[in-house]
Amino acid sequence: LLTRYGNLYVDDWYLPTGDLRDSKREAKRADCIIVTKCPKNLS
């Protein structure tokens, strides 16, 4: 499951008000969560 740095799925809302097309709860089905587009040298 991919989620973008600066707009994590936990901070989002459903379409069309937000960008979510699926429930945040469904993250439980992921085996691995990758936070993408992070700044270099993230602390």
All heavy atoms as atom14 arrays in JSON, in Angstrom:
{
  "sequence": "LLTRYGNLYVDDWYLPTGDLRDSKREAKRADCIIVTKCPKNLS",
  "atom14_mask": [
    [1, 1, 1, 1, 1, 1, 1, 1, 0, 0, 0, 0, 0, 0],
    [1, 1, 1, 1, 1, 1, 1, 1, 0, 0, 0, 0, 0, 0],
    [1, 1, 1, 1, 1, 1, 1, 0, 0, 0, 0, 0, 0, 0],
    [1, 1, 1, 1, 1, 1, 1, 1, 1, 1, 1, 0, 0, 0],
    [1, 1, 1, 1, 1, 1, 1, 1, 1, 1, 1, 1, 0, 0],
    [1, 1, 1, 1, 0, 0, 0, 0, 0, 0, 0, 0, 0, 0],
    [1, 1, 1, 1, 1, 1, 1, 1, 0, 0, 0, 0, 0, 0],
    [1, 1, 1, 1, 1, 1, 1, 1, 0, 0, 0, 0, 0, 0],
    [1, 1, 1, 1, 1, 1, 1, 1, 1, 1, 1, 1, 0, 0],
    [1, 1, 1, 1, 1, 1, 1, 0, 0, 0, 0, 0, 0, 0],
    [1, 1, 1, 1, 1, 1, 1, 1, 0, 0, 0, 0, 0, 0],
    [1, 1, 1, 1, 1, 1, 1, 1, 0, 0, 0, 0, 0, 0],
    [1, 1, 1, 1, 1, 1, 1, 1, 1, 1, 1, 1, 1, 1],
    [1, 1, 1, 1, 1, 1, 1, 1, 1, 1, 1, 1, 0, 0],
    [1, 1, 1, 1, 1, 1, 1, 1, 0, 0, 0, 0, 0, 0],
    [1, 1, 1, 1, 1, 1, 1, 0, 0, 0, 0, 0, 0, 0],
    [1, 1, 1, 1, 1, 1, 1, 0, 0, 0, 0, 0, 0, 0],
    [1, 1, 1, 1, 0, 0, 0, 0, 0, 0, 0, 0, 0, 0],
    [1, 1, 1, 1, 1, 1, 1, 1, 0, 0, 0, 0, 0, 0],
    [1, 1, 1, 1, 1, 1, 1, 1, 0, 0, 0, 0, 0, 0],
    [1, 1, 1, 1, 1, 1, 1, 1, 1, 1, 1, 0, 0, 0],
    [1, 1, 1, 1, 1, 1, 1, 1, 0, 0, 0, 0, 0, 0],
    [1, 1, 1, 1, 1, 1, 0, 0, 0, 0, 0, 0, 0, 0],
    [1, 1, 1, 1, 1, 1, 1, 1, 1, 0, 0, 0, 0, 0],
    [1, 1, 1, 1, 1, 1, 1, 1, 1, 1, 1, 0, 0, 0],
    [1, 1, 1, 1, 1, 1, 1, 1, 1, 0, 0, 0, 0, 0],
    [1, 1, 1, 1, 1, 0, 0, 0, 0, 0, 0, 0, 0, 0],
    [1, 1, 1, 1, 1, 1, 1, 1, 1, 0, 0, 0, 0, 0],
    [1, 1, 1, 1, 1, 1, 1, 1, 1, 1, 1, 0, 0, 0],
    [1, 1, 1, 1, 1, 0, 0, 0, 0, 0, 0, 0, 0, 0],
    [1, 1, 1, 1, 1, 1, 1, 1, 0, 0, 0, 0, 0, 0],
    [1, 1, 1, 1, 1, 1, 0, 0, 0, 0, 0, 0, 0, 0],
    [1, 1, 1, 1, 1, 1, 1, 1, 0, 0, 0, 0, 0, 0],
    [1, 1, 1, 1, 1, 1, 1, 1, 0, 0, 0, 0, 0, 0],
    [1, 1, 1, 1, 1, 1, 1, 0, 0, 0, 0, 0, 0, 0],
    [1, 1, 1, 1, 1, 1, 1, 0, 0, 0, 0, 0, 0, 0],
    [1, 1, 1, 1, 1, 1, 1, 1, 1, 0, 0, 0, 0, 0],
    [1, 1, 1, 1, 1, 1, 0, 0, 0, 0, 0, 0, 0, 0],
    [1, 1, 1, 1, 1, 1, 1, 0, 0, 0, 0, 0, 0, 0],
    [1, 1, 1, 1, 1, 1, 1, 1, 1, 0, 0, 0, 0, 0],
    [1, 1, 1, 1, 1, 1, 1, 1, 0, 0, 0, 0, 0, 0],
    [1, 1, 1, 1, 1, 1, 1, 1, 0, 0, 0, 0, 0, 0],
    [1, 1, 1, 1, 1, 1, 0, 0, 0, 0, 0, 0, 0, 0]
  ],
  "atom14_positions": [
    [[0.85, -1.19, 0.0], [0.0, 0.0, 0.0], [0.88, 1.24, 0.0], [1.74, 1.4, 0.87], [-0.9, 0.0, 1.24], [-1.82, 1.21, 1.41], [-2.83, 1.3, 0.28], [-2.51, 1.17, 2.77], [0.0, 0.0, 0.0], [0.0, 0.0, 0.0], [0.0, 0.0, 0.0], [0.0, 0.0, 0.0], [0.0, 0.0, 0.0], [0.0, 0.0, 0.0]],
    [[0.68, 2.11, -0.99], [1.45, 3.34, -1.1], [0.65, 4.51, -0.55], [-0.56, 4.62, -0.78], [1.81, 3.61, -2.56], [2.52, 2.49, -3.33], [2.81, 2.95, -4.76], [3.8, 2.06, -2.64], [0.0, 0.0, 0.0], [0.0, 0.0, 0.0], [0.0, 0.0, 0.0], [0.0, 0.0, 0.0], [0.0, 0.0, 0.0], [0.0, 0.0, 0.0]],
    [[1.32, 5.4, 0.14], [0.69, 6.63, 0.62], [1.74, 7.74, 0.53], [2.93, 7.51, 0.76], [0.16, 6.48, 2.06], [-0.57, 7.66, 2.42], [1.28, 6.23, 3.06], [0.0, 0.0, 0.0], [0.0, 0.0, 0.0], [0.0, 0.0, 0.0], [0.0, 0.0, 0.0], [0.0, 0.0, 0.0], [0.0, 0.0, 0.0], [0.0, 0.0, 0.0]],
    [[1.29, 8.92, 0.14], [2.25, 10.0, -0.16], [2.58, 10.83, 1.07], [1.7, 11.24, 1.82], [1.67, 10.9, -1.27], [2.57, 12.06, -1.67], [2.07, 12.71, -2.94], [0.74, 13.23, -2.83], [0.43, 14.46, -2.38], [1.41, 15.27, -1.99], [-0.81, 14.86, -2.34], [0.0, 0.0, 0.0], [0.0, 0.0, 0.0], [0.0, 0.0, 0.0]],
    [[3.85, 11.09, 1.26], [4.31, 11.99, 2.32], [3.64, 13.36, 2.12], [3.62, 13.9, 1.02], [5.83, 12.14, 2.26], [6.4, 13.06, 3.32], [6.69, 12.58, 4.58], [6.62, 14.4, 3.05], [7.22, 13.41, 5.56], [7.14, 15.25, 4.02], [7.43, 14.75, 5.28], [7.95, 15.58, 6.25], [0.0, 0.0, 0.0], [0.0, 0.0, 0.0]],
    [[3.12, 13.91, 3.19], [2.42, 15.21, 3.11], [0.95, 15.07, 2.85], [0.2, 16.05, 2.99], [0.0, 0.0, 0.0], [0.0, 0.0, 0.0], [0.0, 0.0, 0.0], [0.0, 0.0, 0.0], [0.0, 0.0, 0.0], [0.0, 0.0, 0.0], [0.0, 0.0, 0.0], [0.0, 0.0, 0.0], [0.0, 0.0, 0.0], [0.0, 0.0, 0.0]],
    [[0.49, 13.88, 2.45], [-0.94, 13.63, 2.26], [-1.24, 12.16, 2.58], [-1.72, 11.41, 1.74], [-1.37, 13.97, 0.84], [-2.88, 13.93, 0.67], [-3.63, 14.23, 1.6], [-3.35, 13.54, -0.51], [0.0, 0.0, 0.0], [0.0, 0.0, 0.0], [0.0, 0.0, 0.0], [0.0, 0.0, 0.0], [0.0, 0.0, 0.0], [0.0, 0.0, 0.0]],
    [[-0.93, 11.76, 3.81], [-1.15, 10.38, 4.24], [-2.63, 10.05, 4.19], [-3.48, 10.91, 4.42], [-0.62, 10.18, 5.65], [0.87, 10.51, 5.88], [1.18, 10.43, 7.37], [1.76, 9.57, 5.08], [0.0, 0.0, 0.0], [0.0, 0.0, 0.0], [0.0, 0.0, 0.0], [0.0, 0.0, 0.0], [0.0, 0.0, 0.0], [0.0, 0.0, 0.0]],
    [[-2.93, 8.79, 3.9], [-4.34, 8.4, 3.79], [-5.11, 8.65, 5.09], [-6.31, 8.91, 5.06], [-4.47, 6.94, 3.36], [-3.91, 5.92, 4.31], [-4.64, 5.5, 5.42], [-2.66, 5.34, 4.09], [-4.13, 4.56, 6.3], [-2.15, 4.4, 4.96], [-2.88, 4.02, 6.07], [-2.37, 3.08, 6.93], [0.0, 0.0, 0.0], [0.0, 0.0, 0.0]],
    [[-4.42, 8.61, 6.23], [-5.11, 8.83, 7.52], [-5.58, 10.28, 7.66], [-6.46, 10.57, 8.48], [-4.2, 8.46, 8.71], [-3.96, 6.96, 8.75], [-2.87, 9.21, 8.64], [0.0, 0.0, 0.0], [0.0, 0.0, 0.0], [0.0, 0.0, 0.0], [0.0, 0.0, 0.0], [0.0, 0.0, 0.0], [0.0, 0.0, 0.0], [0.0, 0.0, 0.0]],
    [[-5.01, 11.18, 6.87], [-5.4, 12.6, 6.93], [-6.39, 12.98, 5.84], [-6.79, 14.14, 5.74], [-4.16, 13.49, 6.8], [-3.18, 13.29, 7.93], [-3.63, 13.05, 9.07], [-1.95, 13.39, 7.68], [0.0, 0.0, 0.0], [0.0, 0.0, 0.0], [0.0, 0.0, 0.0], [0.0, 0.0, 0.0], [0.0, 0.0, 0.0], [0.0, 0.0, 0.0]],
    [[-6.78, 12.02, 5.01], [-7.59, 12.3, 3.82], [-9.06, 11.98, 4.1], [-9.44, 11.5, 5.16], [-7.08, 11.49, 2.64], [-7.29, 12.18, 1.3], [-8.15, 13.09, 1.24], [-6.6, 11.81, 0.33], [0.0, 0.0, 0.0], [0.0, 0.0, 0.0], [0.0, 0.0, 0.0], [0.0, 0.0, 0.0], [0.0, 0.0, 0.0], [0.0, 0.0, 0.0]],
    [[-9.91, 12.26, 3.1], [-11.35, 12.01, 3.2], [-11.85, 11.49, 1.85], [-11.15, 11.55, 0.85], [-12.1, 13.29, 3.6], [-13.56, 13.07, 3.86], [-14.61, 13.52, 3.11], [-14.15, 12.34, 4.94], [-15.81, 13.11, 3.64], [-15.55, 12.36, 4.77], [-13.62, 11.63, 6.03], [-16.43, 11.74, 5.64], [-14.5, 11.01, 6.91], [-15.88, 11.07, 6.7]],
    [[-13.08, 10.98, 1.85], [-13.64, 10.37, 0.64], [-13.86, 11.38, -0.48], [-14.11, 12.56, -0.25], [-14.97, 9.7, 0.97], [-14.86, 8.52, 1.89], [-15.33, 8.6, 3.2], [-14.27, 7.34, 1.47], [-15.22, 7.53, 4.06], [-14.15, 6.26, 2.33], [-14.63, 6.36, 3.63], [-14.52, 5.29, 4.48], [0.0, 0.0, 0.0], [0.0, 0.0, 0.0]],
    [[-13.8, 10.85, -1.69], [-14.2, 11.63, -2.88], [-15.65, 12.06, -2.75], [-16.46, 11.37, -2.16], [-14.04, 10.76, -4.13], [-12.62, 10.39, -4.58], [-12.68, 9.25, -5.58], [-11.93, 11.6, -5.17], [0.0, 0.0, 0.0], [0.0, 0.0, 0.0], [0.0, 0.0, 0.0], [0.0, 0.0, 0.0], [0.0, 0.0, 0.0], [0.0, 0.0, 0.0]],
    [[-16.02, 13.21, -3.29], [-15.19, 14.19, -4.0], [-14.59, 15.27, -3.09], [-13.83, 16.11, -3.58], [-16.18, 14.81, -5.0], [-17.49, 14.75, -4.28], [-17.47, 13.48, -3.46], [0.0, 0.0, 0.0], [0.0, 0.0, 0.0], [0.0, 0.0, 0.0], [0.0, 0.0, 0.0], [0.0, 0.0, 0.0], [0.0, 0.0, 0.0], [0.0, 0.0, 0.0]],
    [[-14.92, 15.24, -1.78], [-14.35, 16.24, -0.88], [-12.86, 16.02, -0.7], [-12.07, 16.97, -0.67], [-15.06, 16.2, 0.48], [-16.44, 16.54, 0.28], [-14.45, 17.17, 1.46], [0.0, 0.0, 0.0], [0.0, 0.0, 0.0], [0.0, 0.0, 0.0], [0.0, 0.0, 0.0], [0.0, 0.0, 0.0], [0.0, 0.0, 0.0], [0.0, 0.0, 0.0]],
    [[-12.45, 14.76, -0.58], [-11.03, 14.41, -0.49], [-10.6, 13.59, -1.68], [-11.24, 13.62, -2.74], [0.0, 0.0, 0.0], [0.0, 0.0, 0.0], [0.0, 0.0, 0.0], [0.0, 0.0, 0.0], [0.0, 0.0, 0.0], [0.0, 0.0, 0.0], [0.0, 0.0, 0.0], [0.0, 0.0, 0.0], [0.0, 0.0, 0.0], [0.0, 0.0, 0.0]],
    [[-9.53, 12.8, -1.49], [-9.0, 11.98, -2.58], [-9.16, 10.48, -2.35], [-8.73, 9.68, -3.17], [-7.51, 12.29, -2.8], [-7.28, 13.67, -3.38], [-8.13, 14.12, -4.18], [-6.28, 14.3, -3.02], [0.0, 0.0, 0.0], [0.0, 0.0, 0.0], [0.0, 0.0, 0.0], [0.0, 0.0, 0.0], [0.0, 0.0, 0.0], [0.0, 0.0, 0.0]],
    [[-9.77, 10.08, -1.22], [-9.89, 8.66, -0.93], [-10.95, 8.0, -1.79], [-12.07, 8.49, -1.9], [-10.26, 8.44, 0.54], [-9.17, 8.69, 1.59], [-9.7, 8.38, 2.98], [-7.92, 7.88, 1.3], [0.0, 0.0, 0.0], [0.0, 0.0, 0.0], [0.0, 0.0, 0.0], [0.0, 0.0, 0.0], [0.0, 0.0, 0.0], [0.0, 0.0, 0.0]],
    [[-10.58, 6.86, -2.39], [-11.54, 6.05, -3.13], [-11.87, 4.76, -2.39], [-12.67, 3.95, -2.86], [-10.99, 5.72, -4.52], [-9.65, 5.0, -4.5], [-9.19, 4.66, -5.89], [-7.82, 4.17, -5.91], [-7.22, 3.71, -6.99], [-7.86, 3.68, -8.14], [-5.98, 3.28, -6.93], [0.0, 0.0, 0.0], [0.0, 0.0, 0.0], [0.0, 0.0, 0.0]],
    [[-11.21, 4.55, -1.26], [-11.47, 3.37, -0.44], [-11.35, 3.78, 1.02], [-10.8, 4.84, 1.36], [-10.48, 2.25, -0.77], [-11.04, 0.86, -0.49], [-12.05, 0.78, 0.24], [-10.49, -0.13, -0.98], [0.0, 0.0, 0.0], [0.0, 0.0, 0.0], [0.0, 0.0, 0.0], [0.0, 0.0, 0.0], [0.0, 0.0, 0.0], [0.0, 0.0, 0.0]],
    [[-11.84, 2.93, 1.9], [-11.85, 3.23, 3.33], [-10.46, 3.15, 3.94], [-9.66, 2.27, 3.59], [-12.78, 2.25, 4.04], [-12.64, 2.35, 5.44], [0.0, 0.0, 0.0], [0.0, 0.0, 0.0], [0.0, 0.0, 0.0], [0.0, 0.0, 0.0], [0.0, 0.0, 0.0], [0.0, 0.0, 0.0], [0.0, 0.0, 0.0], [0.0, 0.0, 0.0]],
    [[-10.17, 4.04, 4.89], [-8.9, 3.99, 5.61], [-8.73, 2.66, 6.33], [-7.61, 2.18, 6.5], [-8.83, 5.14, 6.62], [-8.96, 6.53, 6.01], [-9.02, 7.58, 7.11], [-9.37, 8.95, 6.54], [-9.43, 9.98, 7.6], [0.0, 0.0, 0.0], [0.0, 0.0, 0.0], [0.0, 0.0, 0.0], [0.0, 0.0, 0.0], [0.0, 0.0, 0.0]],
    [[-9.84, 2.08, 6.75], [-9.77, 0.81, 7.47], [-9.16, -0.3, 6.63], [-8.62, -1.27, 7.16], [-11.18, 0.38, 7.89], [-11.86, 1.29, 8.9], [-13.22, 0.71, 9.25], [-13.95, 1.57, 10.17], [-15.18, 1.32, 10.6], [-15.8, 0.21, 10.19], [-15.79, 2.14, 11.44], [0.0, 0.0, 0.0], [0.0, 0.0, 0.0], [0.0, 0.0, 0.0]],
    [[-9.28, -0.17, 5.3], [-8.78, -1.23, 4.42], [-7.26, -1.32, 4.4], [-6.7, -2.27, 3.85], [-9.33, -1.04, 3.0], [-10.84, -1.18, 2.92], [-11.34, -2.45, 3.59], [-10.87, -3.54, 3.21], [-12.18, -2.35, 4.51], [0.0, 0.0, 0.0], [0.0, 0.0, 0.0], [0.0, 0.0, 0.0], [0.0, 0.0, 0.0], [0.0, 0.0, 0.0]],
    [[-6.6, -0.33, 5.01], [-5.14, -0.42, 5.14], [-4.73, -1.68, 5.89], [-3.61, -2.16, 5.75], [-4.6, 0.82, 5.84], [0.0, 0.0, 0.0], [0.0, 0.0, 0.0], [0.0, 0.0, 0.0], [0.0, 0.0, 0.0], [0.0, 0.0, 0.0], [0.0, 0.0, 0.0], [0.0, 0.0, 0.0], [0.0, 0.0, 0.0], [0.0, 0.0, 0.0]],
    [[-5.66, -2.24, 6.68], [-5.35, -3.46, 7.44], [-5.01, -4.64, 6.53], [-4.38, -5.6, 6.95], [-6.53, -3.84, 8.34], [-7.8, -4.28, 7.59], [-8.94, -4.61, 8.55], [-10.18, -5.13, 7.81], [-10.82, -4.07, 7.03], [0.0, 0.0, 0.0], [0.0, 0.0, 0.0], [0.0, 0.0, 0.0], [0.0, 0.0, 0.0], [0.0, 0.0, 0.0]],
    [[-5.45, -4.58, 5.26], [-5.18, -5.69, 4.33], [-3.78, -5.63, 3.73], [-3.35, -6.56, 3.05], [-6.22, -5.68, 3.2], [-7.62, -6.0, 3.65], [-8.58, -6.19, 2.48], [-8.92, -4.95, 1.82], [-8.49, -4.56, 0.64], [-7.65, -5.34, -0.04], [-8.87, -3.41, 0.11], [0.0, 0.0, 0.0], [0.0, 0.0, 0.0], [0.0, 0.0, 0.0]],
    [[-3.07, -4.54, 3.96], [-1.72, -4.39, 3.4], [-0.72, -5.2, 4.21], [-0.82, -5.29, 5.45], [-1.32, -2.93, 3.37], [0.0, 0.0, 0.0], [0.0, 0.0, 0.0], [0.0, 0.0, 0.0], [0.0, 0.0, 0.0], [0.0, 0.0, 0.0], [0.0, 0.0, 0.0], [0.0, 0.0, 0.0], [0.0, 0.0, 0.0], [0.0, 0.0, 0.0]],
    [[0.24, -5.78, 3.54], [1.35, -6.44, 4.22], [2.5, -5.46, 4.47], [3.3, -5.66, 5.38], [1.86, -7.61, 3.37], [0.79, -8.67, 3.18], [0.49, -9.39, 4.15], [0.23, -8.76, 2.07], [0.0, 0.0, 0.0], [0.0, 0.0, 0.0], [0.0, 0.0, 0.0], [0.0, 0.0, 0.0], [0.0, 0.0, 0.0], [0.0, 0.0, 0.0]],
    [[2.55, -4.44, 3.63], [3.62, -3.45, 3.73], [3.06, -2.09, 3.32], [2.31, -1.99, 2.34], [4.78, -3.86, 2.8], [6.1, -2.67, 2.68], [0.0, 0.0, 0.0], [0.0, 0.0, 0.0], [0.0, 0.0, 0.0], [0.0, 0.0, 0.0], [0.0, 0.0, 0.0], [0.0, 0.0, 0.0], [0.0, 0.0, 0.0], [0.0, 0.0, 0.0]],
    [[3.38, -1.06, 4.07], [2.95, 0.31, 3.76], [4.2, 1.13, 3.42], [5.14, 1.19, 4.21], [2.21, 0.96, 4.95], [0.98, 0.13, 5.33], [1.8, 2.4, 4.62], [0.32, 0.58, 6.63], [0.0, 0.0, 0.0], [0.0, 0.0, 0.0], [0.0, 0.0, 0.0], [0.0, 0.0, 0.0], [0.0, 0.0, 0.0], [0.0, 0.0, 0.0]],
    [[4.19, 1.71, 2.24], [5.35, 2.52, 1.81], [4.93, 3.98, 1.72], [3.98, 4.33, 1.0], [5.89, 2.05, 0.46], [6.37, 0.6, 0.55], [7.05, 2.95, 0.01], [6.92, 0.04, -0.75], [0.0, 0.0, 0.0], [0.0, 0.0, 0.0], [0.0, 0.0, 0.0], [0.0, 0.0, 0.0], [0.0, 0.0, 0.0], [0.0, 0.0, 0.0]],
    [[5.62, 4.83, 2.47], [5.41, 6.27, 2.41], [6.31, 6.8, 1.3], [7.54, 6.75, 1.41], [5.73, 6.95, 3.75], [5.43, 8.45, 3.67], [4.94, 6.3, 4.88], [0.0, 0.0, 0.0], [0.0, 0.0, 0.0], [0.0, 0.0, 0.0], [0.0, 0.0, 0.0], [0.0, 0.0, 0.0], [0.0, 0.0, 0.0], [0.0, 0.0, 0.0]],
    [[5.72, 7.28, 0.22], [6.48, 7.69, -0.96], [6.7, 9.21, -1.0], [6.06, 9.97, -0.27], [5.76, 7.27, -2.25], [4.48, 7.92, -2.3], [5.54, 5.76, -2.28], [0.0, 0.0, 0.0], [0.0, 0.0, 0.0], [0.0, 0.0, 0.0], [0.0, 0.0, 0.0], [0.0, 0.0, 0.0], [0.0, 0.0, 0.0], [0.0, 0.0, 0.0]],
    [[7.61, 9.61, -1.86], [7.9, 11.03, -2.12], [8.35, 11.76, -0.86], [8.02, 12.94, -0.65], [6.69, 11.72, -2.77], [6.25, 11.07, -4.07], [5.16, 11.84, -4.78], [4.78, 11.18, -6.1], [3.75, 11.9, -6.84], [0.0, 0.0, 0.0], [0.0, 0.0, 0.0], [0.0, 0.0, 0.0], [0.0, 0.0, 0.0], [0.0, 0.0, 0.0]],
    [[9.08, 11.04, -0.02], [9.62, 11.65, 1.2], [10.77, 12.59, 0.86], [11.48, 12.39, -0.13], [10.13, 10.57, 2.15], [8.85, 9.48, 2.8], [0.0, 0.0, 0.0], [0.0, 0.0, 0.0], [0.0, 0.0, 0.0], [0.0, 0.0, 0.0], [0.0, 0.0, 0.0], [0.0, 0.0, 0.0], [0.0, 0.0, 0.0], [0.0, 0.0, 0.0]],
    [[11.01, 13.61, 1.7], [12.21, 14.43, 1.52], [13.46, 13.58, 1.74], [13.43, 12.59, 2.48], [12.08, 15.5, 2.61], [10.66, 15.44, 3.06], [10.18, 14.06, 2.82], [0.0, 0.0, 0.0], [0.0, 0.0, 0.0], [0.0, 0.0, 0.0], [0.0, 0.0, 0.0], [0.0, 0.0, 0.0], [0.0, 0.0, 0.0], [0.0, 0.0, 0.0]],
    [[14.53, 13.97, 1.09], [15.79, 13.27, 1.34], [16.22, 13.51, 2.78], [15.92, 14.53, 3.39], [16.86, 13.77, 0.37], [16.63, 13.34, -1.07], [17.79, 13.75, -1.96], [17.57, 13.25, -3.38], [18.7, 13.64, -4.28], [0.0, 0.0, 0.0], [0.0, 0.0, 0.0], [0.0, 0.0, 0.0], [0.0, 0.0, 0.0], [0.0, 0.0, 0.0]],
    [[16.94, 12.53, 3.33], [17.46, 12.62, 4.69], [16.34, 12.84, 5.71], [16.46, 13.64, 6.65], [18.5, 13.74, 4.8], [19.64, 13.57, 3.82], [20.16, 12.48, 3.65], [20.02, 14.66, 3.14], [0.0, 0.0, 0.0], [0.0, 0.0, 0.0], [0.0, 0.0, 0.0], [0.0, 0.0, 0.0], [0.0, 0.0, 0.0], [0.0, 0.0, 0.0]],
    [[15.23, 12.11, 5.52], [14.13, 12.18, 6.47], [14.61, 11.71, 7.84], [15.2, 10.64, 7.97], [12.98, 11.29, 5.98], [11.63, 11.43, 6.68], [11.02, 12.8, 6.4], [10.68, 10.33, 6.21], [0.0, 0.0, 0.0], [0.0, 0.0, 0.0], [0.0, 0.0, 0.0], [0.0, 0.0, 0.0], [0.0, 0.0, 0.0], [0.0, 0.0, 0.0]],
    [[14.36, 12.51, 8.87], [14.88, 12.2, 10.21], [14.15, 11.02, 10.82], [13.0, 10.72, 10.47], [14.73, 13.42, 11.12], [13.36, 13.69, 11.38], [0.0, 0.0, 0.0], [0.0, 0.0, 0.0], [0.0, 0.0, 0.0], [0.0, 0.0, 0.0], [0.0, 0.0, 0.0], [0.0, 0.0, 0.0], [0.0, 0.0, 0.0], [0.0, 0.0, 0.0]]
  ]
}
